[in-house]
Amino acid sequence: MTDGLLMQKVKEGDLSQASLLFQRYHRRIYLYLGKMAGDYHLAEDLTQNVFEKVILYRKSFELDQNFEGWVYRIAKNVFLDHTKLQNRMRKGSEEELIKAAELPDHQPSLDEAEQKLHTALAALPEQDREVLILTRFQKMKYIEVAALLGTTESNIKVKVYRAMDKLRTQYFQIESI
């Protein structure tokens, strides 16, 4: 059954169908939020919030919508809401914000190069990090990312190119330390 039809059943009140959507998208949303936040423990909580909002806002889903784009939009908004709240609570220095975005040291099975890559990714501005996560880690097509972010495919290609350039610079700065 398609995601849209499952969501239509959820919208009509059959909440048991939400578990199938959760099974299909939980890992992808968790990885997306983990990379955006740089904290996989936080990503667990944020992912839970996303699926709570899927249920809460089920009436706003339209059958002709792409469920994947809709759920990623919810995930992005959950992340932005969390970030805004954190920024209000902590008016720290830029250095503290970068430290908060770094991956925890206890990440399993990351070799040194991967750790440097994740550190470089965490140091990027949020918009750059997001397009790279969606296109490179989540394997979304440029046209899908464009629809999700409300822009054109060519604009996403430019953003990815520029973000990759910044990531490369960050990575080699870390490499030289």
N, C-alpha and C. Protein backbone atom coordinates (compact mmCIF):
# COMPACT_ATOMS: atom_id res chain seq x y z
N MET A 1 0.85 -1.17 0.00
CA MET A 1 0.00 0.00 0.00
C MET A 1 0.90 1.24 0.00
N THR A 2 0.53 2.24 -0.76
CA THR A 2 1.35 3.45 -0.86
C THR A 2 1.28 4.26 0.43
N ASP A 3 2.28 5.11 0.60
CA ASP A 3 2.32 5.98 1.77
C ASP A 3 1.09 6.88 1.81
N GLY A 4 0.71 7.39 0.64
CA GLY A 4 -0.44 8.28 0.57
C GLY A 4 -1.72 7.59 1.02
N LEU A 5 -1.92 6.35 0.59
CA LEU A 5 -3.12 5.62 0.99
C LEU A 5 -3.09 5.27 2.48
N LEU A 6 -1.91 4.91 2.98
CA LEU A 6 -1.79 4.66 4.42
C LEU A 6 -2.14 5.92 5.20
N MET A 7 -1.61 7.04 4.74
CA MET A 7 -1.87 8.30 5.45
C MET A 7 -3.34 8.68 5.34
N GLN A 8 -3.97 8.35 4.23
CA GLN A 8 -5.40 8.62 4.08
C GLN A 8 -6.19 7.83 5.13
N LYS A 9 -5.80 6.58 5.36
CA LYS A 9 -6.47 5.76 6.39
C LYS A 9 -6.24 6.35 7.78
N VAL A 10 -5.01 6.83 8.03
CA VAL A 10 -4.71 7.47 9.31
C VAL A 10 -5.58 8.70 9.47
N LYS A 11 -5.69 9.47 8.40
CA LYS A 11 -6.50 10.69 8.41
C LYS A 11 -7.96 10.38 8.73
N GLU A 12 -8.43 9.24 8.25
CA GLU A 12 -9.82 8.82 8.47
C GLU A 12 -10.02 8.20 9.85
N GLY A 13 -8.95 8.08 10.64
CA GLY A 13 -9.09 7.60 12.01
C GLY A 13 -8.49 6.24 12.30
N ASP A 14 -7.97 5.55 11.29
CA ASP A 14 -7.35 4.24 11.51
C ASP A 14 -5.88 4.46 11.88
N LEU A 15 -5.65 4.79 13.15
CA LEU A 15 -4.31 5.15 13.61
C LEU A 15 -3.34 3.98 13.61
N SER A 16 -3.85 2.75 13.52
CA SER A 16 -2.96 1.59 13.47
C SER A 16 -2.09 1.62 12.21
N GLN A 17 -2.57 2.27 11.16
CA GLN A 17 -1.80 2.36 9.92
C GLN A 17 -0.57 3.26 10.07
N ALA A 18 -0.59 4.11 11.08
CA ALA A 18 0.55 5.00 11.32
C ALA A 18 1.80 4.20 11.67
N SER A 19 1.61 3.02 12.26
CA SER A 19 2.78 2.21 12.62
C SER A 19 3.55 1.75 11.38
N LEU A 20 2.84 1.50 10.28
CA LEU A 20 3.52 1.13 9.03
C LEU A 20 4.33 2.30 8.49
N LEU A 21 3.76 3.49 8.56
CA LEU A 21 4.50 4.68 8.13
C LEU A 21 5.71 4.91 9.03
N PHE A 22 5.52 4.70 10.32
CA PHE A 22 6.62 4.83 11.27
C PHE A 22 7.73 3.85 10.90
N GLN A 23 7.38 2.60 10.62
CA GLN A 23 8.39 1.59 10.25
C GLN A 23 9.13 1.99 8.98
N ARG A 24 8.43 2.56 8.02
CA ARG A 24 9.06 2.94 6.76
C ARG A 24 9.98 4.14 6.88
N TYR A 25 9.62 5.08 7.73
CA TYR A 25 10.33 6.36 7.75
C TYR A 25 11.12 6.66 9.01
N HIS A 26 10.95 5.88 10.05
CA HIS A 26 11.62 6.17 11.33
C HIS A 26 13.13 6.32 11.17
N ARG A 27 13.77 5.34 10.56
CA ARG A 27 15.23 5.36 10.45
C ARG A 27 15.71 6.55 9.63
N ARG A 28 15.05 6.81 8.51
CA ARG A 28 15.48 7.93 7.66
C ARG A 28 15.34 9.26 8.37
N ILE A 29 14.23 9.46 9.06
CA ILE A 29 14.00 10.71 9.80
C ILE A 29 15.00 10.82 10.95
N TYR A 30 15.23 9.71 11.65
CA TYR A 30 16.19 9.69 12.75
C TYR A 30 17.59 10.08 12.25
N LEU A 31 18.03 9.49 11.14
CA LEU A 31 19.36 9.81 10.61
C LEU A 31 19.43 11.26 10.14
N TYR A 32 18.38 11.73 9.50
CA TYR A 32 18.33 13.14 9.06
C TYR A 32 18.46 14.07 10.26
N LEU A 33 17.66 13.85 11.28
CA LEU A 33 17.69 14.71 12.46
C LEU A 33 19.00 14.55 13.23
N GLY A 34 19.53 13.35 13.26
CA GLY A 34 20.81 13.13 13.93
C GLY A 34 21.93 13.90 13.28
N LYS A 35 21.93 13.92 11.97
CA LYS A 35 22.97 14.67 11.25
C LYS A 35 22.73 16.17 11.35
N MET A 36 21.48 16.59 11.33
CA MET A 36 21.18 18.02 11.46
C MET A 36 21.57 18.52 12.85
N ALA A 37 21.24 17.75 13.87
CA ALA A 37 21.50 18.18 15.25
C ALA A 37 22.91 17.83 15.70
N GLY A 38 23.50 16.82 15.06
CA GLY A 38 24.82 16.37 15.50
C GLY A 38 24.75 15.62 16.82
N ASP A 39 23.57 15.18 17.19
CA ASP A 39 23.37 14.51 18.47
C ASP A 39 22.30 13.44 18.28
N TYR A 40 22.72 12.19 18.28
CA TYR A 40 21.79 11.11 17.99
C TYR A 40 20.85 10.79 19.15
N HIS A 41 21.24 11.16 20.36
CA HIS A 41 20.31 10.99 21.48
C HIS A 41 19.17 12.00 21.36
N LEU A 42 19.50 13.22 21.01
CA LEU A 42 18.49 14.25 20.76
C LEU A 42 17.62 13.85 19.58
N ALA A 43 18.23 13.27 18.56
CA ALA A 43 17.49 12.86 17.36
C ALA A 43 16.39 11.85 17.70
N GLU A 44 16.62 11.00 18.69
CA GLU A 44 15.58 10.05 19.11
C GLU A 44 14.34 10.80 19.58
N ASP A 45 14.56 11.81 20.42
CA ASP A 45 13.43 12.59 20.93
C ASP A 45 12.75 13.38 19.82
N LEU A 46 13.55 13.99 18.96
CA LEU A 46 12.98 14.78 17.86
C LEU A 46 12.21 13.90 16.90
N THR A 47 12.72 12.70 16.63
CA THR A 47 12.01 11.77 15.74
C THR A 47 10.66 11.39 16.32
N GLN A 48 10.64 11.16 17.61
CA GLN A 48 9.37 10.86 18.28
C GLN A 48 8.40 12.03 18.12
N ASN A 49 8.91 13.25 18.27
CA ASN A 49 8.07 14.44 18.10
C ASN A 49 7.52 14.53 16.68
N VAL A 50 8.34 14.16 15.70
CA VAL A 50 7.89 14.21 14.30
C VAL A 50 6.67 13.31 14.11
N PHE A 51 6.76 12.08 14.61
CA PHE A 51 5.65 11.15 14.38
C PHE A 51 4.43 11.49 15.23
N GLU A 52 4.64 12.15 16.36
CA GLU A 52 3.50 12.67 17.11
C GLU A 52 2.79 13.74 16.29
N LYS A 53 3.58 14.58 15.61
CA LYS A 53 2.99 15.64 14.78
C LYS A 53 2.31 15.07 13.54
N VAL A 54 2.84 13.96 13.01
CA VAL A 54 2.17 13.30 11.88
C VAL A 54 0.74 12.95 12.29
N ILE A 55 0.59 12.39 13.49
CA ILE A 55 -0.75 12.05 13.99
C ILE A 55 -1.56 13.31 14.27
N LEU A 56 -0.93 14.26 14.94
CA LEU A 56 -1.62 15.50 15.31
C LEU A 56 -2.12 16.27 14.09
N TYR A 57 -1.30 16.35 13.05
CA TYR A 57 -1.64 17.13 11.86
C TYR A 57 -2.15 16.28 10.70
N ARG A 58 -2.59 15.06 10.99
CA ARG A 58 -3.03 14.15 9.93
C ARG A 58 -4.14 14.73 9.06
N LYS A 59 -4.98 15.57 9.63
CA LYS A 59 -6.10 16.14 8.87
C LYS A 59 -5.61 17.11 7.79
N SER A 60 -4.39 17.64 7.94
CA SER A 60 -3.88 18.59 6.95
C SER A 60 -3.22 17.89 5.76
N PHE A 61 -3.02 16.58 5.84
CA PHE A 61 -2.41 15.85 4.74
C PHE A 61 -3.42 15.68 3.61
N GLU A 62 -2.99 15.97 2.40
CA GLU A 62 -3.83 15.80 1.22
C GLU A 62 -3.34 14.59 0.43
N LEU A 63 -4.25 13.81 -0.10
CA LEU A 63 -3.91 12.58 -0.80
C LEU A 63 -2.95 12.81 -1.97
N ASP A 64 -3.04 13.97 -2.62
CA ASP A 64 -2.17 14.23 -3.76
C ASP A 64 -0.77 14.71 -3.33
N GLN A 65 -0.56 14.87 -2.02
CA GLN A 65 0.75 15.27 -1.52
C GLN A 65 1.70 14.08 -1.51
N ASN A 66 2.98 14.37 -1.57
CA ASN A 66 4.02 13.36 -1.42
C ASN A 66 4.25 13.19 0.09
N PHE A 67 3.96 12.01 0.63
CA PHE A 67 4.11 11.81 2.07
C PHE A 67 5.54 12.02 2.52
N GLU A 68 6.49 11.53 1.76
CA GLU A 68 7.90 11.68 2.14
C GLU A 68 8.27 13.15 2.30
N GLY A 69 7.90 13.96 1.35
CA GLY A 69 8.16 15.39 1.44
C GLY A 69 7.46 16.02 2.63
N TRP A 70 6.23 15.59 2.88
CA TRP A 70 5.45 16.11 4.00
C TRP A 70 6.10 15.78 5.33
N VAL A 71 6.53 14.52 5.51
CA VAL A 71 7.12 14.12 6.78
C VAL A 71 8.49 14.77 6.98
N TYR A 72 9.26 14.95 5.91
CA TYR A 72 10.55 15.66 6.03
C TYR A 72 10.32 17.12 6.39
N ARG A 73 9.27 17.72 5.85
CA ARG A 73 8.95 19.11 6.19
C ARG A 73 8.62 19.22 7.68
N ILE A 74 7.87 18.26 8.18
CA ILE A 74 7.57 18.23 9.62
C ILE A 74 8.86 18.08 10.41
N ALA A 75 9.73 17.17 9.97
CA ALA A 75 11.01 16.95 10.66
C ALA A 75 11.85 18.23 10.68
N LYS A 76 11.89 18.91 9.56
CA LYS A 76 12.65 20.16 9.49
C LYS A 76 12.08 21.17 10.47
N ASN A 77 10.76 21.29 10.51
CA ASN A 77 10.12 22.25 11.42
C ASN A 77 10.35 21.88 12.89
N VAL A 78 10.32 20.59 13.20
CA VAL A 78 10.60 20.14 14.57
C VAL A 78 12.03 20.53 14.94
N PHE A 79 12.96 20.30 14.02
CA PHE A 79 14.36 20.66 14.28
C PHE A 79 14.51 22.17 14.47
N LEU A 80 13.88 22.96 13.59
CA LEU A 80 13.98 24.42 13.70
C LEU A 80 13.35 24.92 14.99
N ASP A 81 12.21 24.35 15.38
CA ASP A 81 11.58 24.74 16.65
C ASP A 81 12.51 24.44 17.82
N HIS A 82 13.13 23.28 17.80
CA HIS A 82 14.07 22.91 18.87
C HIS A 82 15.26 23.88 18.89
N THR A 83 15.79 24.19 17.72
CA THR A 83 16.94 25.10 17.63
C THR A 83 16.59 26.48 18.15
N LYS A 84 15.42 26.98 17.78
CA LYS A 84 14.99 28.30 18.26
C LYS A 84 14.86 28.30 19.78
N LEU A 85 14.28 27.24 20.32
CA LEU A 85 14.13 27.15 21.76
C LEU A 85 15.50 27.11 22.44
N GLN A 86 16.40 26.32 21.91
CA GLN A 86 17.75 26.23 22.47
C GLN A 86 18.47 27.58 22.41
N ASN A 87 18.31 28.27 21.29
CA ASN A 87 18.97 29.57 21.14
C ASN A 87 18.42 30.60 22.11
N ARG A 88 17.12 30.52 22.38
CA ARG A 88 16.53 31.43 23.37
C ARG A 88 17.03 31.11 24.77
N MET A 89 17.15 29.82 25.05
CA MET A 89 17.57 29.41 26.38
C MET A 89 19.06 29.65 26.61
N ARG A 90 19.83 29.54 25.55
CA ARG A 90 21.27 29.66 25.70
C ARG A 90 21.79 30.72 24.72
N LYS A 91 22.12 31.84 25.24
CA LYS A 91 22.64 32.92 24.39
C LYS A 91 24.16 32.89 24.47
N GLY A 92 24.70 31.73 24.16
CA GLY A 92 26.14 31.51 24.28
C GLY A 92 26.90 32.01 23.07
N SER A 93 28.16 31.80 23.13
CA SER A 93 29.04 32.21 22.05
C SER A 93 28.93 31.26 20.87
N GLU A 94 29.47 31.66 19.75
CA GLU A 94 29.46 30.83 18.56
C GLU A 94 30.21 29.52 18.82
N GLU A 95 31.23 29.59 19.63
CA GLU A 95 32.01 28.40 19.95
C GLU A 95 31.15 27.37 20.68
N GLU A 96 30.30 27.82 21.58
CA GLU A 96 29.41 26.90 22.30
C GLU A 96 28.40 26.26 21.35
N LEU A 97 27.92 27.02 20.38
CA LEU A 97 26.97 26.47 19.42
C LEU A 97 27.62 25.39 18.56
N ILE A 98 28.87 25.61 18.16
CA ILE A 98 29.57 24.61 17.36
C ILE A 98 29.81 23.35 18.20
N LYS A 99 30.20 23.53 19.45
CA LYS A 99 30.39 22.37 20.33
C LYS A 99 29.09 21.59 20.49
N ALA A 100 27.98 22.29 20.61
CA ALA A 100 26.68 21.62 20.77
C ALA A 100 26.31 20.84 19.52
N ALA A 101 26.80 21.27 18.36
CA ALA A 101 26.46 20.60 17.11
C ALA A 101 27.39 19.43 16.80
N GLU A 102 28.50 19.29 17.52
CA GLU A 102 29.44 18.21 17.23
C GLU A 102 28.84 16.87 17.62
N LEU A 103 29.27 15.84 16.92
CA LEU A 103 28.83 14.50 17.26
C LEU A 103 29.47 14.06 18.57
N PRO A 104 28.78 13.28 19.35
CA PRO A 104 29.38 12.78 20.58
C PRO A 104 30.59 11.89 20.27
N ASP A 105 31.55 11.88 21.20
CA ASP A 105 32.76 11.09 21.02
C ASP A 105 32.50 9.59 21.00
N HIS A 106 31.40 9.18 21.59
CA HIS A 106 31.16 7.74 21.72
C HIS A 106 30.40 7.14 20.54
N GLN A 107 30.40 7.80 19.39
CA GLN A 107 29.74 7.24 18.23
C GLN A 107 30.42 5.93 17.82
N PRO A 108 29.68 4.86 17.73
CA PRO A 108 30.28 3.58 17.39
C PRO A 108 30.67 3.51 15.91
N SER A 109 31.71 2.78 15.63
CA SER A 109 32.17 2.41 14.29
C SER A 109 32.51 3.57 13.36
N LEU A 110 32.79 4.73 13.90
CA LEU A 110 33.25 5.81 13.05
C LEU A 110 34.77 5.82 13.06
N ASP A 111 35.36 5.68 11.90
CA ASP A 111 36.81 5.79 11.89
C ASP A 111 37.20 7.26 11.92
N GLU A 112 38.46 7.52 11.97
CA GLU A 112 38.94 8.89 12.15
C GLU A 112 38.51 9.82 11.01
N ALA A 113 38.58 9.35 9.77
CA ALA A 113 38.18 10.19 8.63
C ALA A 113 36.69 10.52 8.69
N GLU A 114 35.88 9.53 9.05
CA GLU A 114 34.44 9.77 9.17
C GLU A 114 34.15 10.77 10.28
N GLN A 115 34.88 10.64 11.39
CA GLN A 115 34.69 11.56 12.51
C GLN A 115 35.02 12.99 12.08
N LYS A 116 36.09 13.15 11.32
CA LYS A 116 36.47 14.48 10.83
C LYS A 116 35.41 15.01 9.88
N LEU A 117 34.87 14.13 9.05
CA LEU A 117 33.81 14.54 8.12
C LEU A 117 32.59 15.02 8.90
N HIS A 118 32.19 14.28 9.92
CA HIS A 118 31.02 14.67 10.71
C HIS A 118 31.27 15.96 11.48
N THR A 119 32.49 16.14 11.95
CA THR A 119 32.84 17.39 12.65
C THR A 119 32.78 18.56 11.67
N ALA A 120 33.31 18.36 10.47
CA ALA A 120 33.27 19.41 9.45
C ALA A 120 31.83 19.72 9.06
N LEU A 121 31.01 18.69 8.92
CA LEU A 121 29.60 18.87 8.58
C LEU A 121 28.87 19.65 9.67
N ALA A 122 29.15 19.32 10.92
CA ALA A 122 28.50 20.00 12.04
C ALA A 122 28.87 21.48 12.10
N ALA A 123 30.04 21.84 11.59
CA ALA A 123 30.50 23.23 11.63
C ALA A 123 29.90 24.08 10.51
N LEU A 124 29.25 23.45 9.54
CA LEU A 124 28.66 24.20 8.43
C LEU A 124 27.41 24.94 8.90
N PRO A 125 27.06 26.02 8.20
CA PRO A 125 25.78 26.68 8.48
C PRO A 125 24.63 25.69 8.25
N GLU A 126 23.56 25.88 8.98
CA GLU A 126 22.44 24.94 8.96
C GLU A 126 21.91 24.66 7.55
N GLN A 127 21.76 25.69 6.72
CA GLN A 127 21.22 25.49 5.37
C GLN A 127 22.14 24.62 4.53
N ASP A 128 23.45 24.83 4.65
CA ASP A 128 24.40 24.02 3.89
C ASP A 128 24.36 22.57 4.37
N ARG A 129 24.33 22.41 5.68
CA ARG A 129 24.29 21.07 6.28
C ARG A 129 23.03 20.34 5.80
N GLU A 130 21.91 21.05 5.78
CA GLU A 130 20.65 20.41 5.41
C GLU A 130 20.66 19.89 3.97
N VAL A 131 21.11 20.71 3.01
CA VAL A 131 21.09 20.24 1.62
C VAL A 131 22.05 19.07 1.42
N LEU A 132 23.17 19.07 2.13
CA LEU A 132 24.10 17.94 2.01
C LEU A 132 23.52 16.68 2.64
N ILE A 133 22.90 16.82 3.76
CA ILE A 133 22.31 15.64 4.42
C ILE A 133 21.21 15.05 3.54
N LEU A 134 20.36 15.90 3.01
CA LEU A 134 19.25 15.39 2.18
C LEU A 134 19.74 14.75 0.89
N THR A 135 20.73 15.37 0.23
CA THR A 135 21.18 14.85 -1.07
C THR A 135 22.20 13.74 -0.94
N ARG A 136 23.11 13.85 0.01
CA ARG A 136 24.21 12.88 0.11
C ARG A 136 23.92 11.72 1.07
N PHE A 137 23.35 12.02 2.21
CA PHE A 137 23.12 10.98 3.21
C PHE A 137 21.74 10.35 3.06
N GLN A 138 20.72 11.16 2.78
CA GLN A 138 19.37 10.64 2.63
C GLN A 138 19.09 10.20 1.19
N LYS A 139 20.01 10.50 0.29
CA LYS A 139 19.93 10.07 -1.12
C LYS A 139 18.67 10.58 -1.83
N MET A 140 18.21 11.76 -1.43
CA MET A 140 17.05 12.35 -2.11
C MET A 140 17.52 13.00 -3.41
N LYS A 141 16.66 12.97 -4.40
CA LYS A 141 16.97 13.61 -5.68
C LYS A 141 16.86 15.12 -5.52
N TYR A 142 17.60 15.84 -6.37
CA TYR A 142 17.59 17.30 -6.31
C TYR A 142 16.17 17.86 -6.43
N ILE A 143 15.37 17.28 -7.30
CA ILE A 143 14.00 17.76 -7.50
C ILE A 143 13.16 17.55 -6.23
N GLU A 144 13.40 16.45 -5.51
CA GLU A 144 12.68 16.19 -4.26
C GLU A 144 13.10 17.19 -3.18
N VAL A 145 14.39 17.47 -3.11
CA VAL A 145 14.89 18.44 -2.12
C VAL A 145 14.34 19.82 -2.45
N ALA A 146 14.29 20.15 -3.74
CA ALA A 146 13.76 21.44 -4.16
C ALA A 146 12.30 21.59 -3.72
N ALA A 147 11.51 20.54 -3.91
CA ALA A 147 10.10 20.58 -3.50
C ALA A 147 9.99 20.72 -1.99
N LEU A 148 10.83 20.01 -1.26
CA LEU A 148 10.81 20.05 0.20
C LEU A 148 11.17 21.44 0.72
N LEU A 149 12.17 22.06 0.09
CA LEU A 149 12.65 23.36 0.57
C LEU A 149 12.00 24.55 -0.13
N GLY A 150 11.11 24.27 -1.08
CA GLY A 150 10.38 25.34 -1.74
C GLY A 150 11.23 26.19 -2.67
N THR A 151 12.07 25.54 -3.45
CA THR A 151 12.93 26.26 -4.39
C THR A 151 13.05 25.44 -5.67
N THR A 152 13.94 25.84 -6.55
CA THR A 152 14.09 25.14 -7.83
C THR A 152 15.20 24.10 -7.76
N GLU A 153 15.14 23.17 -8.68
CA GLU A 153 16.17 22.13 -8.75
C GLU A 153 17.54 22.75 -9.03
N SER A 154 17.59 23.72 -9.93
CA SER A 154 18.88 24.35 -10.25
C SER A 154 19.44 25.09 -9.04
N ASN A 155 18.56 25.69 -8.24
CA ASN A 155 19.02 26.36 -7.02
C ASN A 155 19.62 25.36 -6.04
N ILE A 156 19.01 24.20 -5.93
CA ILE A 156 19.54 23.15 -5.04
C ILE A 156 20.90 22.68 -5.54
N LYS A 157 21.06 22.54 -6.84
CA LYS A 157 22.36 22.13 -7.39
C LYS A 157 23.45 23.13 -7.02
N VAL A 158 23.12 24.41 -7.12
CA VAL A 158 24.08 25.46 -6.75
C VAL A 158 24.38 25.39 -5.25
N LYS A 159 23.33 25.23 -4.44
CA LYS A 159 23.53 25.16 -2.98
C LYS A 159 24.39 23.95 -2.60
N VAL A 160 24.15 22.82 -3.25
CA VAL A 160 24.94 21.62 -2.95
C VAL A 160 26.40 21.85 -3.35
N TYR A 161 26.63 22.43 -4.51
CA TYR A 161 27.99 22.70 -4.96
C TYR A 161 28.71 23.61 -3.95
N ARG A 162 28.06 24.68 -3.55
CA ARG A 162 28.68 25.61 -2.60
C ARG A 162 28.88 24.96 -1.22
N ALA A 163 27.90 24.18 -0.79
CA ALA A 163 28.01 23.51 0.50
C ALA A 163 29.15 22.48 0.48
N MET A 164 29.30 21.78 -0.63
CA MET A 164 30.40 20.81 -0.75
C MET A 164 31.75 21.53 -0.69
N ASP A 165 31.81 22.69 -1.31
CA ASP A 165 33.05 23.47 -1.28
C ASP A 165 33.38 23.89 0.16
N LYS A 166 32.37 24.34 0.89
CA LYS A 166 32.57 24.73 2.30
C LYS A 166 32.95 23.51 3.14
N LEU A 167 32.31 22.39 2.88
CA LEU A 167 32.61 21.17 3.62
C LEU A 167 34.06 20.74 3.37
N ARG A 168 34.47 20.80 2.13
CA ARG A 168 35.85 20.44 1.78
C ARG A 168 36.83 21.33 2.53
N THR A 169 36.56 22.63 2.56
CA THR A 169 37.43 23.58 3.26
C THR A 169 37.47 23.25 4.75
N GLN A 170 36.31 23.03 5.36
CA GLN A 170 36.24 22.68 6.78
C GLN A 170 37.01 21.39 7.07
N TYR A 171 36.81 20.41 6.22
CA TYR A 171 37.45 19.10 6.43
C TYR A 171 38.97 19.25 6.42
N PHE A 172 39.49 19.97 5.44
CA PHE A 172 40.95 20.09 5.35
C PHE A 172 41.52 20.99 6.43
N GLN A 173 40.72 21.90 6.97
CA GLN A 173 41.17 22.67 8.13
C GLN A 173 41.31 21.76 9.34
N ILE A 174 40.36 20.87 9.51
CA ILE A 174 40.42 19.91 10.61
C ILE A 174 41.59 18.95 10.39
N GLU A 175 41.77 18.53 9.16
CA GLU A 175 42.84 17.61 8.78
C GLU A 175 44.22 18.19 9.12
N SER A 176 44.35 19.51 8.96
CA SER A 176 45.66 20.14 9.18
C SER A 176 45.97 20.41 10.65
N ILE A 177 45.00 20.20 11.51
CA ILE A 177 45.21 20.46 12.95
C ILE A 177 45.99 19.33 13.58
